[in-house]
Amino acid sequence: MSSSITFENALKRLEEIVKELENGDIEIEKALTLFEEGTRLARICAKKLSQIERRVEILKKGENGEDVLELFQGIDEA
């Protein structure tokens, strides 16, 4: 599994793994293999999110009217 996988595909596969592990009706060796794959996918997702956060910047005006580049923090959930 390489980091060339898209975030969406990695997340989808990770969700499938979680469902399969939660089912609990699998052999221990298969569960371990799935856990290892899930761990790799989680790391890939975290890395891709980190890269995206660094790239998504907003240009806004500072207090004195100067342009200030800020890291996008996202929308707060209510």
PDB file of N, CA and C in Angstrom:
ATOM      1  N   MET A   1       0.851  -1.174   0.000  1.00  0.00           N
ATOM      2  CA  MET A   1       0.000   0.000   0.000  1.00  0.00           C
ATOM      3  C   MET A   1       0.892   1.230   0.000  1.00  0.00           C
ATOM      4  N   SER A   2       0.732   2.086  -0.957  1.00  0.00           N
ATOM      5  CA  SER A   2       1.595   3.260  -1.042  1.00  0.00           C
ATOM      6  C   SER A   2       0.811   4.514  -0.718  1.00  0.00           C
ATOM      7  N   SER A   3       1.541   5.599  -0.551  1.00  0.00           N
ATOM      8  CA  SER A   3       0.884   6.863  -0.236  1.00  0.00           C
ATOM      9  C   SER A   3       0.298   7.508  -1.492  1.00  0.00           C
ATOM     10  N   SER A   4       0.360   6.808  -2.655  1.00  0.00           N
ATOM     11  CA  SER A   4      -0.255   7.339  -3.868  1.00  0.00           C
ATOM     12  C   SER A   4      -1.763   7.137  -3.871  1.00  0.00           C
ATOM     13  N   ILE A   5      -2.272   6.398  -2.902  1.00  0.00           N
ATOM     14  CA  ILE A   5      -3.713   6.207  -2.761  1.00  0.00           C
ATOM     15  C   ILE A   5      -4.344   7.551  -2.384  1.00  0.00           C
ATOM     16  N   THR A   6      -5.525   7.796  -2.901  1.00  0.00           N
ATOM     17  CA  THR A   6      -6.193   9.056  -2.563  1.00  0.00           C
ATOM     18  C   THR A   6      -6.686   9.014  -1.123  1.00  0.00           C
ATOM     19  N   PHE A   7      -6.873  10.184  -0.558  1.00  0.00           N
ATOM     20  CA  PHE A   7      -7.388  10.278   0.804  1.00  0.00           C
ATOM     21  C   PHE A   7      -8.748   9.588   0.899  1.00  0.00           C
ATOM     22  N   GLU A   8      -9.602   9.855  -0.082  1.00  0.00           N
ATOM     23  CA  GLU A   8     -10.949   9.300  -0.064  1.00  0.00           C
ATOM     24  C   GLU A   8     -10.931   7.775  -0.115  1.00  0.00           C
ATOM     25  N   ASN A   9     -10.073   7.203  -0.974  1.00  0.00           N
ATOM     26  CA  ASN A   9      -9.973   5.750  -1.076  1.00  0.00           C
ATOM     27  C   ASN A   9      -9.382   5.141   0.191  1.00  0.00           C
ATOM     28  N   ALA A  10      -8.401   5.804   0.763  1.00  0.00           N
ATOM     29  CA  ALA A  10      -7.796   5.309   2.002  1.00  0.00           C
ATOM     30  C   ALA A  10      -8.826   5.327   3.126  1.00  0.00           C
ATOM     31  N   LEU A  11      -9.592   6.394   3.215  1.00  0.00           N
ATOM     32  CA  LEU A  11     -10.605   6.506   4.257  1.00  0.00           C
ATOM     33  C   LEU A  11     -11.706   5.466   4.069  1.00  0.00           C
ATOM     34  N   LYS A  12     -12.116   5.259   2.836  1.00  0.00           N
ATOM     35  CA  LYS A  12     -13.151   4.265   2.548  1.00  0.00           C
ATOM     36  C   LYS A  12     -12.676   2.874   2.961  1.00  0.00           C
ATOM     37  N   ARG A  13     -11.445   2.519   2.604  1.00  0.00           N
ATOM     38  CA  ARG A  13     -10.909   1.210   2.965  1.00  0.00           C
ATOM     39  C   ARG A  13     -10.761   1.093   4.483  1.00  0.00           C
ATOM     40  N   LEU A  14     -10.348   2.154   5.114  1.00  0.00           N
ATOM     41  CA  LEU A  14     -10.223   2.161   6.576  1.00  0.00           C
ATOM     42  C   LEU A  14     -11.577   1.906   7.237  1.00  0.00           C
ATOM     43  N   GLU A  15     -12.623   2.513   6.720  1.00  0.00           N
ATOM     44  CA  GLU A  15     -13.970   2.291   7.247  1.00  0.00           C
ATOM     45  C   GLU A  15     -14.390   0.833   7.067  1.00  0.00           C
ATOM     46  N   GLU A  16     -14.047   0.245   5.914  1.00  0.00           N
ATOM     47  CA  GLU A  16     -14.360  -1.169   5.672  1.00  0.00           C
ATOM     48  C   GLU A  16     -13.645  -2.061   6.686  1.00  0.00           C
ATOM     49  N   ILE A  17     -12.383  -1.747   6.953  1.00  0.00           N
ATOM     50  CA  ILE A  17     -11.593  -2.528   7.911  1.00  0.00           C
ATOM     51  C   ILE A  17     -12.200  -2.437   9.300  1.00  0.00           C
ATOM     52  N   VAL A  18     -12.584  -1.238   9.699  1.00  0.00           N
ATOM     53  CA  VAL A  18     -13.179  -1.052  11.028  1.00  0.00           C
ATOM     54  C   VAL A  18     -14.453  -1.885  11.161  1.00  0.00           C
ATOM     55  N   LYS A  19     -15.295  -1.856  10.142  1.00  0.00           N
ATOM     56  CA  LYS A  19     -16.533  -2.641  10.183  1.00  0.00           C
ATOM     57  C   LYS A  19     -16.226  -4.125  10.305  1.00  0.00           C
ATOM     58  N   GLU A  20     -15.241  -4.580   9.545  1.00  0.00           N
ATOM     59  CA  GLU A  20     -14.882  -5.999   9.578  1.00  0.00           C
ATOM     60  C   GLU A  20     -14.325  -6.394  10.943  1.00  0.00           C
ATOM     61  N   LEU A  21     -13.500  -5.534  11.527  1.00  0.00           N
ATOM     62  CA  LEU A  21     -12.943  -5.820  12.849  1.00  0.00           C
ATOM     63  C   LEU A  21     -14.017  -5.759  13.927  1.00  0.00           C
ATOM     64  N   GLU A  22     -14.939  -4.813  13.802  1.00  0.00           N
ATOM     65  CA  GLU A  22     -16.020  -4.695  14.789  1.00  0.00           C
ATOM     66  C   GLU A  22     -16.953  -5.901  14.754  1.00  0.00           C
ATOM     67  N   ASN A  23     -17.084  -6.514  13.582  1.00  0.00           N
ATOM     68  CA  ASN A  23     -17.916  -7.697  13.449  1.00  0.00           C
ATOM     69  C   ASN A  23     -17.412  -8.799  14.380  1.00  0.00           C
ATOM     70  N   GLY A  24     -16.087  -8.902  14.495  1.00  0.00           N
ATOM     71  CA  GLY A  24     -15.497  -9.839  15.438  1.00  0.00           C
ATOM     72  C   GLY A  24     -15.566 -11.285  15.022  1.00  0.00           C
ATOM     73  N   ASP A  25     -16.083 -11.582  13.864  1.00  0.00           N
ATOM     74  CA  ASP A  25     -16.237 -12.959  13.419  1.00  0.00           C
ATOM     75  C   ASP A  25     -15.116 -13.347  12.446  1.00  0.00           C
ATOM     76  N   ILE A  26     -13.863 -12.993  12.806  1.00  0.00           N
ATOM     77  CA  ILE A  26     -12.718 -13.321  11.956  1.00  0.00           C
ATOM     78  C   ILE A  26     -11.610 -13.927  12.810  1.00  0.00           C
ATOM     79  N   GLU A  27     -10.750 -14.667  12.139  1.00  0.00           N
ATOM     80  CA  GLU A  27      -9.627 -15.296  12.830  1.00  0.00           C
ATOM     81  C   GLU A  27      -8.628 -14.233  13.278  1.00  0.00           C
ATOM     82  N   ILE A  28      -7.887 -14.574  14.326  1.00  0.00           N
ATOM     83  CA  ILE A  28      -6.957 -13.614  14.931  1.00  0.00           C
ATOM     84  C   ILE A  28      -5.873 -13.149  13.946  1.00  0.00           C
ATOM     85  N   GLU A  29      -5.366 -14.043  13.110  1.00  0.00           N
ATOM     86  CA  GLU A  29      -4.333 -13.657  12.134  1.00  0.00           C
ATOM     87  C   GLU A  29      -4.874 -12.665  11.114  1.00  0.00           C
ATOM     88  N   LYS A  30      -6.094 -12.901  10.651  1.00  0.00           N
ATOM     89  CA  LYS A  30      -6.720 -11.961   9.704  1.00  0.00           C
ATOM     90  C   LYS A  30      -6.988 -10.630  10.394  1.00  0.00           C
ATOM     91  N   ALA A  31      -7.415 -10.674  11.647  1.00  0.00           N
ATOM     92  CA  ALA A  31      -7.656  -9.442  12.399  1.00  0.00           C
ATOM     93  C   ALA A  31      -6.363  -8.642  12.534  1.00  0.00           C
ATOM     94  N   LEU A  32      -5.260  -9.317  12.803  1.00  0.00           N
ATOM     95  CA  LEU A  32      -3.975  -8.634  12.928  1.00  0.00           C
ATOM     96  C   LEU A  32      -3.554  -8.016  11.597  1.00  0.00           C
ATOM     97  N   THR A  33      -3.746  -8.764  10.517  1.00  0.00           N
ATOM     98  CA  THR A  33      -3.417  -8.240   9.186  1.00  0.00           C
ATOM     99  C   THR A  33      -4.251  -7.005   8.869  1.00  0.00           C
ATOM    100  N   LEU A  34      -5.540  -7.069   9.178  1.00  0.00           N
ATOM    101  CA  LEU A  34      -6.419  -5.921   8.944  1.00  0.00           C
ATOM    102  C   LEU A  34      -6.023  -4.733   9.815  1.00  0.00           C
ATOM    103  N   PHE A  35      -5.654  -5.008  11.064  1.00  0.00           N
ATOM    104  CA  PHE A  35      -5.230  -3.944  11.972  1.00  0.00           C
ATOM    105  C   PHE A  35      -3.980  -3.254  11.431  1.00  0.00           C
ATOM    106  N   GLU A  36      -3.021  -4.039  10.938  1.00  0.00           N
ATOM    107  CA  GLU A  36      -1.796  -3.472  10.366  1.00  0.00           C
ATOM    108  C   GLU A  36      -2.113  -2.606   9.151  1.00  0.00           C
ATOM    109  N   GLU A  37      -2.997  -3.105   8.269  1.00  0.00           N
ATOM    110  CA  GLU A  37      -3.385  -2.323   7.096  1.00  0.00           C
ATOM    111  C   GLU A  37      -4.092  -1.035   7.523  1.00  0.00           C
ATOM    112  N   GLY A  38      -4.971  -1.143   8.500  1.00  0.00           N
ATOM    113  CA  GLY A  38      -5.679   0.030   8.995  1.00  0.00           C
ATOM    114  C   GLY A  38      -4.748   1.070   9.584  1.00  0.00           C
ATOM    115  N   THR A  39      -3.730   0.599  10.296  1.00  0.00           N
ATOM    116  CA  THR A  39      -2.746   1.518  10.873  1.00  0.00           C
ATOM    117  C   THR A  39      -2.006   2.273   9.774  1.00  0.00           C
ATOM    118  N   ARG A  40      -1.601   1.551   8.726  1.00  0.00           N
ATOM    119  CA  ARG A  40      -0.919   2.207   7.595  1.00  0.00           C
ATOM    120  C   ARG A  40      -1.846   3.226   6.931  1.00  0.00           C
ATOM    121  N   LEU A  41      -3.106   2.847   6.738  1.00  0.00           N
ATOM    122  CA  LEU A  41      -4.067   3.757   6.107  1.00  0.00           C
ATOM    123  C   LEU A  41      -4.315   4.995   6.964  1.00  0.00           C
ATOM    124  N   ALA A  42      -4.406   4.818   8.266  1.00  0.00           N
ATOM    125  CA  ALA A  42      -4.612   5.953   9.168  1.00  0.00           C
ATOM    126  C   ALA A  42      -3.435   6.921   9.078  1.00  0.00           C
ATOM    127  N   ARG A  43      -2.232   6.381   8.994  1.00  0.00           N
ATOM    128  CA  ARG A  43      -1.037   7.244   8.858  1.00  0.00           C
ATOM    129  C   ARG A  43      -1.057   7.995   7.535  1.00  0.00           C
ATOM    130  N   ILE A  44      -1.453   7.306   6.466  1.00  0.00           N
ATOM    131  CA  ILE A  44      -1.542   7.960   5.154  1.00  0.00           C
ATOM    132  C   ILE A  44      -2.562   9.096   5.209  1.00  0.00           C
ATOM    133  N   CYS A  45      -3.722   8.832   5.796  1.00  0.00           N
ATOM    134  CA  CYS A  45      -4.767   9.870   5.908  1.00  0.00           C
ATOM    135  C   CYS A  45      -4.263  11.065   6.719  1.00  0.00           C
ATOM    136  N   ALA A  46      -3.607  10.799   7.832  1.00  0.00           N
ATOM    137  CA  ALA A  46      -3.088  11.879   8.674  1.00  0.00           C
ATOM    138  C   ALA A  46      -2.057  12.708   7.919  1.00  0.00           C
ATOM    139  N   LYS A  47      -1.186  12.033   7.170  1.00  0.00           N
ATOM    140  CA  LYS A  47      -0.149  12.740   6.406  1.00  0.00           C
ATOM    141  C   LYS A  47      -0.788  13.611   5.323  1.00  0.00           C
ATOM    142  N   LYS A  48      -1.768  13.046   4.615  1.00  0.00           N
ATOM    143  CA  LYS A  48      -2.423  13.815   3.556  1.00  0.00           C
ATOM    144  C   LYS A  48      -3.177  15.018   4.127  1.00  0.00           C
ATOM    145  N   LEU A  49      -3.843  14.843   5.265  1.00  0.00           N
ATOM    146  CA  LEU A  49      -4.535  15.972   5.896  1.00  0.00           C
ATOM    147  C   LEU A  49      -3.556  17.058   6.315  1.00  0.00           C
ATOM    148  N   SER A  50      -2.420  16.642   6.844  1.00  0.00           N
ATOM    149  CA  SER A  50      -1.400  17.605   7.247  1.00  0.00           C
ATOM    150  C   SER A  50      -0.897  18.400   6.045  1.00  0.00           C
ATOM    151  N   GLN A  51      -0.685  17.701   4.925  1.00  0.00           N
ATOM    152  CA  GLN A  51      -0.236  18.380   3.705  1.00  0.00           C
ATOM    153  C   GLN A  51      -1.285  19.368   3.212  1.00  0.00           C
ATOM    154  N   ILE A  52      -2.534  18.973   3.281  1.00  0.00           N
ATOM    155  CA  ILE A  52      -3.617  19.846   2.833  1.00  0.00           C
ATOM    156  C   ILE A  52      -3.729  21.072   3.724  1.00  0.00           C
ATOM    157  N   GLU A  53      -3.607  20.883   5.043  1.00  0.00           N
ATOM    158  CA  GLU A  53      -3.682  22.013   5.969  1.00  0.00           C
ATOM    159  C   GLU A  53      -2.591  23.031   5.676  1.00  0.00           C
ATOM    160  N   ARG A  54      -1.408  22.559   5.319  1.00  0.00           N
ATOM    161  CA  ARG A  54      -0.316  23.485   5.008  1.00  0.00           C
ATOM    162  C   ARG A  54      -0.573  24.238   3.709  1.00  0.00           C
ATOM    163  N   ARG A  55      -1.293  23.615   2.792  1.00  0.00           N
ATOM    164  CA  ARG A  55      -1.535  24.242   1.490  1.00  0.00           C
ATOM    165  C   ARG A  55      -2.719  25.197   1.498  1.00  0.00           C
ATOM    166  N   VAL A  56      -3.676  24.932   2.368  1.00  0.00           N
ATOM    167  CA  VAL A  56      -4.897  25.746   2.368  1.00  0.00           C
ATOM    168  C   VAL A  56      -4.662  26.958   3.260  1.00  0.00           C
ATOM    169  N   GLU A  57      -4.323  28.053   2.632  1.00  0.00           N
ATOM    170  CA  GLU A  57      -4.082  29.290   3.375  1.00  0.00           C
ATOM    171  C   GLU A  57      -5.050  30.356   2.888  1.00  0.00           C
ATOM    172  N   ILE A  58      -5.385  31.259   3.779  1.00  0.00           N
ATOM    173  CA  ILE A  58      -6.320  32.325   3.427  1.00  0.00           C
ATOM    174  C   ILE A  58      -5.592  33.662   3.490  1.00  0.00           C
ATOM    175  N   LEU A  59      -5.873  34.470   2.518  1.00  0.00           N
ATOM    176  CA  LEU A  59      -5.328  35.811   2.511  1.00  0.00           C
ATOM    177  C   LEU A  59      -6.368  36.750   3.118  1.00  0.00           C
ATOM    178  N   LYS A  60      -5.982  37.460   4.179  1.00  0.00           N
ATOM    179  CA  LYS A  60      -6.931  38.401   4.787  1.00  0.00           C
ATOM    180  C   LYS A  60      -6.187  39.667   5.176  1.00  0.00           C
ATOM    181  N   LYS A  61      -6.922  40.688   5.443  1.00  0.00           N
ATOM    182  CA  LYS A  61      -6.342  41.968   5.824  1.00  0.00           C
ATOM    183  C   LYS A  61      -6.007  41.975   7.304  1.00  0.00           C
ATOM    184  N   GLY A  62      -4.829  42.490   7.634  1.00  0.00           N
ATOM    185  CA  GLY A  62      -4.417  42.635   9.019  1.00  0.00           C
ATOM    186  C   GLY A  62      -5.034  43.870   9.639  1.00  0.00           C
ATOM    187  N   GLU A  63      -4.693  44.106  10.896  1.00  0.00           N
ATOM    188  CA  GLU A  63      -5.264  45.240  11.633  1.00  0.00           C
ATOM    189  C   GLU A  63      -4.928  46.579  10.988  1.00  0.00           C
ATOM    190  N   ASN A  64      -3.757  46.697  10.384  1.00  0.00           N
ATOM    191  CA  ASN A  64      -3.334  47.957   9.778  1.00  0.00           C
ATOM    192  C   ASN A  64      -3.577  47.989   8.275  1.00  0.00           C
ATOM    193  N   GLY A  65      -4.403  47.069   7.770  1.00  0.00           N
ATOM    194  CA  GLY A  65      -4.723  47.056   6.352  1.00  0.00           C
ATOM    195  C   GLY A  65      -3.754  46.263   5.508  1.00  0.00           C
ATOM    196  N   GLU A  66      -2.677  45.752   6.130  1.00  0.00           N
ATOM    197  CA  GLU A  66      -1.704  44.981   5.362  1.00  0.00           C
ATOM    198  C   GLU A  66      -2.254  43.566   5.099  1.00  0.00           C
ATOM    199  N   ASP A  67      -1.765  42.967   4.035  1.00  0.00           N
ATOM    200  CA  ASP A  67      -2.165  41.596   3.734  1.00  0.00           C
ATOM    201  C   ASP A  67      -1.448  40.644   4.683  1.00  0.00           C
ATOM    202  N   VAL A  68      -2.216  39.728   5.262  1.00  0.00           N
ATOM    203  CA  VAL A  68      -1.668  38.746   6.188  1.00  0.00           C
ATOM    204  C   VAL A  68      -2.071  37.366   5.697  1.00  0.00           C
ATOM    205  N   LEU A  69      -1.112  36.487   5.586  1.00  0.00           N
ATOM    206  CA  LEU A  69      -1.383  35.123   5.170  1.00  0.00           C
ATOM    207  C   LEU A  69      -1.577  34.275   6.411  1.00  0.00           C
ATOM    208  N   GLU A  70      -2.748  33.626   6.526  1.00  0.00           N
ATOM    209  CA  GLU A  70      -3.062  32.807   7.693  1.00  0.00           C
ATOM    210  C   GLU A  70      -3.342  31.392   7.282  1.00  0.00           C
ATOM    211  N   LEU A  71      -2.978  30.448   8.113  1.00  0.00           N
ATOM    212  CA  LEU A  71      -3.297  29.057   7.887  1.00  0.00           C
ATOM    213  C   LEU A  71      -4.786  28.865   8.095  1.00  0.00           C
ATOM    214  N   PHE A  72      -5.430  28.164   7.190  1.00  0.00           N
ATOM    215  CA  PHE A  72      -6.856  27.886   7.286  1.00  0.00           C
ATOM    216  C   PHE A  72      -7.104  26.953   8.463  1.00  0.00           C
ATOM    217  N   GLN A  73      -7.979  27.333   9.384  1.00  0.00           N
ATOM    218  CA  GLN A  73      -8.259  26.543  10.577  1.00  0.00           C
ATOM    219  C   GLN A  73      -9.545  25.731  10.439  1.00  0.00           C
ATOM    220  N   GLY A  74     -10.311  25.953   9.392  1.00  0.00           N
ATOM    221  CA  GLY A  74     -11.542  25.208   9.222  1.00  0.00           C
ATOM    222  C   GLY A  74     -12.711  25.917   9.875  1.00  0.00           C
ATOM    223  N   ILE A  75     -13.854  25.279   9.817  1.00  0.00           N
ATOM    224  CA  ILE A  75     -15.080  25.845  10.375  1.00  0.00           C
ATOM    225  C   ILE A  75     -15.361  25.155  11.695  1.00  0.00           C
ATOM    226  N   ASP A  76     -15.575  25.939  12.736  1.00  0.00           N
ATOM    227  CA  ASP A  76     -15.903  25.372  14.029  1.00  0.00           C
ATOM    228  C   ASP A  76     -17.284  24.740  13.970  1.00  0.00           C
ATOM    229  N   GLU A  77     -17.408  23.543  14.541  1.00  0.00           N
ATOM    230  CA  GLU A  77     -18.697  22.872  14.589  1.00  0.00           C
ATOM    231  C   GLU A  77     -19.465  23.344  15.813  1.00  0.00           C
ATOM    232  N   ALA A  78     -20.725  23.599  15.621  1.00  0.00           N
ATOM    233  CA  ALA A  78     -21.555  24.066  16.731  1.00  0.00           C
ATOM    234  C   ALA A  78     -22.180  22.919  17.463  1.00  0.00           C
TER     235      ALA A  78
END
